[in-house]
Amino acid sequence: MKGSGSLRWLFPLILIALAAAGYYAWQRSKDGAALPQGIASGNGRIEAVEIDISTKAAGRIK
């Protein structure tokens, strides 16, 4: 029965370790300034003007 005493401490330690890892991951994900240089971030709508182009005469280029 001595083995069950060590198991009694193992489950809470695992829970504490998982909670600490989750908190660490949450803190790291909140940091928006962690993007590499040259990468832009944002949210919203991209608006542009649609332009259709075509040739004056139909045909193929050989």
PDB file of N, CA and C in Angstrom:
ATOM      1  N   MET A   1       0.798  -1.201   0.000  1.00  0.00           N
ATOM      2  CA  MET A   1       0.000   0.000   0.000  1.00  0.00           C
ATOM      3  C   MET A   1       0.841   1.266   0.000  1.00  0.00           C
ATOM      4  N   LYS A   2       2.174   1.119   0.088  1.00  0.00           N
ATOM      5  CA  LYS A   2       3.009   2.315   0.062  1.00  0.00           C
ATOM      6  C   LYS A   2       3.000   2.967  -1.314  1.00  0.00           C
ATOM      7  N   GLY A   3       2.775   2.199  -2.340  1.00  0.00           N
ATOM      8  CA  GLY A   3       2.748   2.743  -3.689  1.00  0.00           C
ATOM      9  C   GLY A   3       1.579   3.693  -3.914  1.00  0.00           C
ATOM     10  N   SER A   4       0.472   3.473  -3.226  1.00  0.00           N
ATOM     11  CA  SER A   4      -0.689   4.341  -3.428  1.00  0.00           C
ATOM     12  C   SER A   4      -0.464   5.737  -2.854  1.00  0.00           C
ATOM     13  N   GLY A   5       0.429   5.889  -1.872  1.00  0.00           N
ATOM     14  CA  GLY A   5       0.726   7.211  -1.317  1.00  0.00           C
ATOM     15  C   GLY A   5       1.437   8.089  -2.321  1.00  0.00           C
ATOM     16  N   SER A   6       2.339   7.520  -3.098  1.00  0.00           N
ATOM     17  CA  SER A   6       3.040   8.310  -4.104  1.00  0.00           C
ATOM     18  C   SER A   6       2.112   8.661  -5.268  1.00  0.00           C
ATOM     19  N   LEU A   7       1.161   7.791  -5.574  1.00  0.00           N
ATOM     20  CA  LEU A   7       0.189   8.095  -6.623  1.00  0.00           C
ATOM     21  C   LEU A   7      -0.755   9.214  -6.195  1.00  0.00           C
ATOM     22  N   ARG A   8      -0.959   9.334  -4.895  1.00  0.00           N
ATOM     23  CA  ARG A   8      -1.839  10.382  -4.397  1.00  0.00           C
ATOM     24  C   ARG A   8      -1.249  11.754  -4.680  1.00  0.00           C
ATOM     25  N   TRP A   9       0.064  11.877  -4.715  1.00  0.00           N
ATOM     26  CA  TRP A   9       0.725  13.153  -5.002  1.00  0.00           C
ATOM     27  C   TRP A   9       0.959  13.356  -6.497  1.00  0.00           C
ATOM     28  N   LEU A  10       0.971  12.286  -7.244  1.00  0.00           N
ATOM     29  CA  LEU A  10       1.271  12.382  -8.669  1.00  0.00           C
ATOM     30  C   LEU A  10       0.167  13.108  -9.448  1.00  0.00           C
ATOM     31  N   PHE A  11      -1.080  12.802  -9.185  1.00  0.00           N
ATOM     32  CA  PHE A  11      -2.191  13.423  -9.916  1.00  0.00           C
ATOM     33  C   PHE A  11      -2.254  14.937  -9.707  1.00  0.00           C
ATOM     34  N   PRO A  12      -2.172  15.451  -8.476  1.00  0.00           N
ATOM     35  CA  PRO A  12      -2.167  16.916  -8.314  1.00  0.00           C
ATOM     36  C   PRO A  12      -0.954  17.585  -8.960  1.00  0.00           C
ATOM     37  N   LEU A  13       0.197  16.941  -8.934  1.00  0.00           N
ATOM     38  CA  LEU A  13       1.384  17.512  -9.571  1.00  0.00           C
ATOM     39  C   LEU A  13       1.203  17.602 -11.084  1.00  0.00           C
ATOM     40  N   ILE A  14       0.597  16.599 -11.671  1.00  0.00           N
ATOM     41  CA  ILE A  14       0.333  16.628 -13.109  1.00  0.00           C
ATOM     42  C   ILE A  14      -0.661  17.738 -13.442  1.00  0.00           C
ATOM     43  N   LEU A  15      -1.694  17.898 -12.616  1.00  0.00           N
ATOM     44  CA  LEU A  15      -2.666  18.973 -12.842  1.00  0.00           C
ATOM     45  C   LEU A  15      -2.019  20.346 -12.736  1.00  0.00           C
ATOM     46  N   ILE A  16      -1.152  20.532 -11.757  1.00  0.00           N
ATOM     47  CA  ILE A  16      -0.466  21.816 -11.592  1.00  0.00           C
ATOM     48  C   ILE A  16       0.448  22.083 -12.783  1.00  0.00           C
ATOM     49  N   ALA A  17       1.162  21.055 -13.253  1.00  0.00           N
ATOM     50  CA  ALA A  17       2.051  21.222 -14.402  1.00  0.00           C
ATOM     51  C   ALA A  17       1.253  21.564 -15.662  1.00  0.00           C
ATOM     52  N   LEU A  18       0.114  20.922 -15.868  1.00  0.00           N
ATOM     53  CA  LEU A  18      -0.722  21.228 -17.032  1.00  0.00           C
ATOM     54  C   LEU A  18      -1.305  22.630 -16.946  1.00  0.00           C
ATOM     55  N   ALA A  19      -1.703  23.044 -15.748  1.00  0.00           N
ATOM     56  CA  ALA A  19      -2.234  24.400 -15.580  1.00  0.00           C
ATOM     57  C   ALA A  19      -1.149  25.435 -15.852  1.00  0.00           C
ATOM     58  N   ALA A  20       0.065  25.187 -15.371  1.00  0.00           N
ATOM     59  CA  ALA A  20       1.169  26.122 -15.611  1.00  0.00           C
ATOM     60  C   ALA A  20       1.513  26.184 -17.098  1.00  0.00           C
ATOM     61  N   ALA A  21       1.521  25.051 -17.773  1.00  0.00           N
ATOM     62  CA  ALA A  21       1.814  25.037 -19.209  1.00  0.00           C
ATOM     63  C   ALA A  21       0.717  25.757 -19.990  1.00  0.00           C
ATOM     64  N   GLY A  22      -0.531  25.572 -19.601  1.00  0.00           N
ATOM     65  CA  GLY A  22      -1.628  26.267 -20.261  1.00  0.00           C
ATOM     66  C   GLY A  22      -1.559  27.767 -20.059  1.00  0.00           C
ATOM     67  N   TYR A  23      -1.218  28.196 -18.849  1.00  0.00           N
ATOM     68  CA  TYR A  23      -1.085  29.627 -18.563  1.00  0.00           C
ATOM     69  C   TYR A  23       0.062  30.227 -19.370  1.00  0.00           C
ATOM     70  N   TYR A  24       1.165  29.514 -19.454  1.00  0.00           N
ATOM     71  CA  TYR A  24       2.317  29.987 -20.226  1.00  0.00           C
ATOM     72  C   TYR A  24       1.949  30.122 -21.708  1.00  0.00           C
ATOM     73  N   ALA A  25       1.257  29.129 -22.248  1.00  0.00           N
ATOM     74  CA  ALA A  25       0.858  29.180 -23.660  1.00  0.00           C
ATOM     75  C   ALA A  25      -0.125  30.322 -23.903  1.00  0.00           C
ATOM     76  N   TRP A  26      -1.026  30.553 -22.965  1.00  0.00           N
ATOM     77  CA  TRP A  26      -1.990  31.647 -23.104  1.00  0.00           C
ATOM     78  C   TRP A  26      -1.288  33.000 -23.078  1.00  0.00           C
ATOM     79  N   GLN A  27      -0.307  33.169 -22.202  1.00  0.00           N
ATOM     80  CA  GLN A  27       0.437  34.422 -22.131  1.00  0.00           C
ATOM     81  C   GLN A  27       1.238  34.649 -23.410  1.00  0.00           C
ATOM     82  N   ARG A  28       1.815  33.599 -23.962  1.00  0.00           N
ATOM     83  CA  ARG A  28       2.590  33.734 -25.196  1.00  0.00           C
ATOM     84  C   ARG A  28       1.686  34.065 -26.381  1.00  0.00           C
ATOM     85  N   SER A  29       0.469  33.529 -26.401  1.00  0.00           N
ATOM     86  CA  SER A  29      -0.422  33.790 -27.530  1.00  0.00           C
ATOM     87  C   SER A  29      -1.013  35.191 -27.473  1.00  0.00           C
ATOM     88  N   LYS A  30      -1.072  35.805 -26.302  1.00  0.00           N
ATOM     89  CA  LYS A  30      -1.597  37.164 -26.180  1.00  0.00           C
ATOM     90  C   LYS A  30      -0.627  38.192 -26.722  1.00  0.00           C
ATOM     91  N   ASP A  31       0.642  37.873 -26.789  1.00  0.00           N
ATOM     92  CA  ASP A  31       1.670  38.826 -27.206  1.00  0.00           C
ATOM     93  C   ASP A  31       1.603  39.009 -28.714  1.00  0.00           C
ATOM     94  N   GLY A  32       1.033  40.126 -29.174  1.00  0.00           N
ATOM     95  CA  GLY A  32       0.878  40.371 -30.601  1.00  0.00           C
ATOM     96  C   GLY A  32       2.141  40.895 -31.254  1.00  0.00           C
ATOM     97  N   ALA A  33       3.122  41.364 -30.475  1.00  0.00           N
ATOM     98  CA  ALA A  33       4.339  41.945 -31.032  1.00  0.00           C
ATOM     99  C   ALA A  33       5.397  40.885 -31.316  1.00  0.00           C
ATOM    100  N   ALA A  34       5.047  39.632 -31.279  1.00  0.00           N
ATOM    101  CA  ALA A  34       6.024  38.566 -31.453  1.00  0.00           C
ATOM    102  C   ALA A  34       6.219  38.168 -32.916  1.00  0.00           C
ATOM    103  N   LEU A  35       5.691  38.946 -33.848  1.00  0.00           N
ATOM    104  CA  LEU A  35       5.858  38.613 -35.265  1.00  0.00           C
ATOM    105  C   LEU A  35       7.264  38.956 -35.733  1.00  0.00           C
ATOM    106  N   PRO A  36       7.821  38.182 -36.641  1.00  0.00           N
ATOM    107  CA  PRO A  36       9.144  38.500 -37.184  1.00  0.00           C
ATOM    108  C   PRO A  36       9.108  39.806 -37.976  1.00  0.00           C
ATOM    109  N   GLN A  37      10.267  40.399 -38.124  1.00  0.00           N
ATOM    110  CA  GLN A  37      10.356  41.648 -38.871  1.00  0.00           C
ATOM    111  C   GLN A  37       9.986  41.394 -40.329  1.00  0.00           C
ATOM    112  N   GLY A  38       9.191  42.274 -40.907  1.00  0.00           N
ATOM    113  CA  GLY A  38       8.764  42.126 -42.288  1.00  0.00           C
ATOM    114  C   GLY A  38       7.421  41.440 -42.445  1.00  0.00           C
ATOM    115  N   ILE A  39       6.822  40.977 -41.354  1.00  0.00           N
ATOM    116  CA  ILE A  39       5.516  40.336 -41.397  1.00  0.00           C
ATOM    117  C   ILE A  39       4.502  41.291 -40.780  1.00  0.00           C
ATOM    118  N   ALA A  40       3.453  41.601 -41.531  1.00  0.00           N
ATOM    119  CA  ALA A  40       2.408  42.498 -41.042  1.00  0.00           C
ATOM    120  C   ALA A  40       1.212  41.677 -40.581  1.00  0.00           C
ATOM    121  N   SER A  41       0.506  42.195 -39.612  1.00  0.00           N
ATOM    122  CA  SER A  41      -0.666  41.518 -39.093  1.00  0.00           C
ATOM    123  C   SER A  41      -1.805  42.516 -38.971  1.00  0.00           C
ATOM    124  N   GLY A  42      -2.996  42.041 -39.168  1.00  0.00           N
ATOM    125  CA  GLY A  42      -4.160  42.898 -39.025  1.00  0.00           C
ATOM    126  C   GLY A  42      -5.420  42.095 -39.237  1.00  0.00           C
ATOM    127  N   ASN A  43      -6.542  42.768 -39.075  1.00  0.00           N
ATOM    128  CA  ASN A  43      -7.804  42.110 -39.354  1.00  0.00           C
ATOM    129  C   ASN A  43      -8.725  43.118 -40.017  1.00  0.00           C
ATOM    130  N   GLY A  44      -9.701  42.646 -40.694  1.00  0.00           N
ATOM    131  CA  GLY A  44     -10.629  43.539 -41.364  1.00  0.00           C
ATOM    132  C   GLY A  44     -10.859  43.118 -42.799  1.00  0.00           C
ATOM    133  N   ARG A  45     -11.344  44.048 -43.580  1.00  0.00           N
ATOM    134  CA  ARG A  45     -11.708  43.773 -44.968  1.00  0.00           C
ATOM    135  C   ARG A  45     -10.693  44.412 -45.904  1.00  0.00           C
ATOM    136  N   ILE A  46     -10.329  43.676 -46.930  1.00  0.00           N
ATOM    137  CA  ILE A  46      -9.458  44.223 -47.966  1.00  0.00           C
ATOM    138  C   ILE A  46     -10.357  44.697 -49.102  1.00  0.00           C
ATOM    139  N   GLU A  47     -10.257  45.966 -49.425  1.00  0.00           N
ATOM    140  CA  GLU A  47     -11.079  46.527 -50.493  1.00  0.00           C
ATOM    141  C   GLU A  47     -10.185  46.899 -51.666  1.00  0.00           C
ATOM    142  N   ALA A  48     -10.652  46.588 -52.874  1.00  0.00           N
ATOM    143  CA  ALA A  48      -9.887  46.883 -54.088  1.00  0.00           C
ATOM    144  C   ALA A  48     -10.849  47.153 -55.233  1.00  0.00           C
ATOM    145  N   VAL A  49     -10.309  47.687 -56.311  1.00  0.00           N
ATOM    146  CA  VAL A  49     -11.087  47.939 -57.519  1.00  0.00           C
ATOM    147  C   VAL A  49     -10.829  46.780 -58.473  1.00  0.00           C
ATOM    148  N   GLU A  50     -11.900  46.196 -58.995  1.00  0.00           N
ATOM    149  CA  GLU A  50     -11.762  45.083 -59.930  1.00  0.00           C
ATOM    150  C   GLU A  50     -11.654  45.642 -61.340  1.00  0.00           C
ATOM    151  N   ILE A  51     -10.635  45.204 -62.064  1.00  0.00           N
ATOM    152  CA  ILE A  51     -10.399  45.672 -63.429  1.00  0.00           C
ATOM    153  C   ILE A  51     -10.329  44.460 -64.344  1.00  0.00           C
ATOM    154  N   ASP A  52     -11.124  44.468 -65.413  1.00  0.00           N
ATOM    155  CA  ASP A  52     -11.095  43.406 -66.419  1.00  0.00           C
ATOM    156  C   ASP A  52     -10.264  43.886 -67.600  1.00  0.00           C
ATOM    157  N   ILE A  53      -9.336  43.045 -68.049  1.00  0.00           N
ATOM    158  CA  ILE A  53      -8.518  43.389 -69.214  1.00  0.00           C
ATOM    159  C   ILE A  53      -8.685  42.303 -70.269  1.00  0.00           C
ATOM    160  N   SER A  54      -8.529  42.687 -71.525  1.00  0.00           N
ATOM    161  CA  SER A  54      -8.609  41.723 -72.623  1.00  0.00           C
ATOM    162  C   SER A  54      -7.861  42.290 -73.822  1.00  0.00           C
ATOM    163  N   THR A  55      -7.660  41.421 -74.811  1.00  0.00           N
ATOM    164  CA  THR A  55      -6.990  41.867 -76.036  1.00  0.00           C
ATOM    165  C   THR A  55      -8.011  42.469 -76.991  1.00  0.00           C
ATOM    166  N   LYS A  56      -7.523  43.254 -77.944  1.00  0.00           N
ATOM    167  CA  LYS A  56      -8.424  43.859 -78.932  1.00  0.00           C
ATOM    168  C   LYS A  56      -8.859  42.843 -79.977  1.00  0.00           C
ATOM    169  N   ALA A  57      -8.001  41.853 -80.274  1.00  0.00           N
ATOM    170  CA  ALA A  57      -8.321  40.845 -81.283  1.00  0.00           C
ATOM    171  C   ALA A  57      -8.096  39.461 -80.689  1.00  0.00           C
ATOM    172  N   ALA A  58      -8.984  38.537 -81.043  1.00  0.00           N
ATOM    173  CA  ALA A  58      -8.844  37.173 -80.546  1.00  0.00           C
ATOM    174  C   ALA A  58      -7.772  36.440 -81.333  1.00  0.00           C
ATOM    175  N   GLY A  59      -7.140  35.481 -80.748  1.00  0.00           N
ATOM    176  CA  GLY A  59      -6.135  34.693 -81.443  1.00  0.00           C
ATOM    177  C   GLY A  59      -5.142  34.093 -80.471  1.00  0.00           C
ATOM    178  N   ARG A  60      -4.180  33.354 -81.079  1.00  0.00           N
ATOM    179  CA  ARG A  60      -3.142  32.719 -80.279  1.00  0.00           C
ATOM    180  C   ARG A  60      -1.790  33.266 -80.670  1.00  0.00           C
ATOM    181  N   ILE A  61      -0.896  33.249 -79.735  1.00  0.00           N
ATOM    182  CA  ILE A  61       0.482  33.653 -80.011  1.00  0.00           C
ATOM    183  C   ILE A  61       1.279  32.392 -80.286  1.00  0.00           C
ATOM    184  N   LYS A  62       2.001  32.370 -81.439  1.00  0.00           N
ATOM    185  CA  LYS A  62       2.812  31.197 -81.783  1.00  0.00           C
ATOM    186  C   LYS A  62       4.261  31.467 -81.529  1.00  0.00           C
TER     187      LYS A  62
END
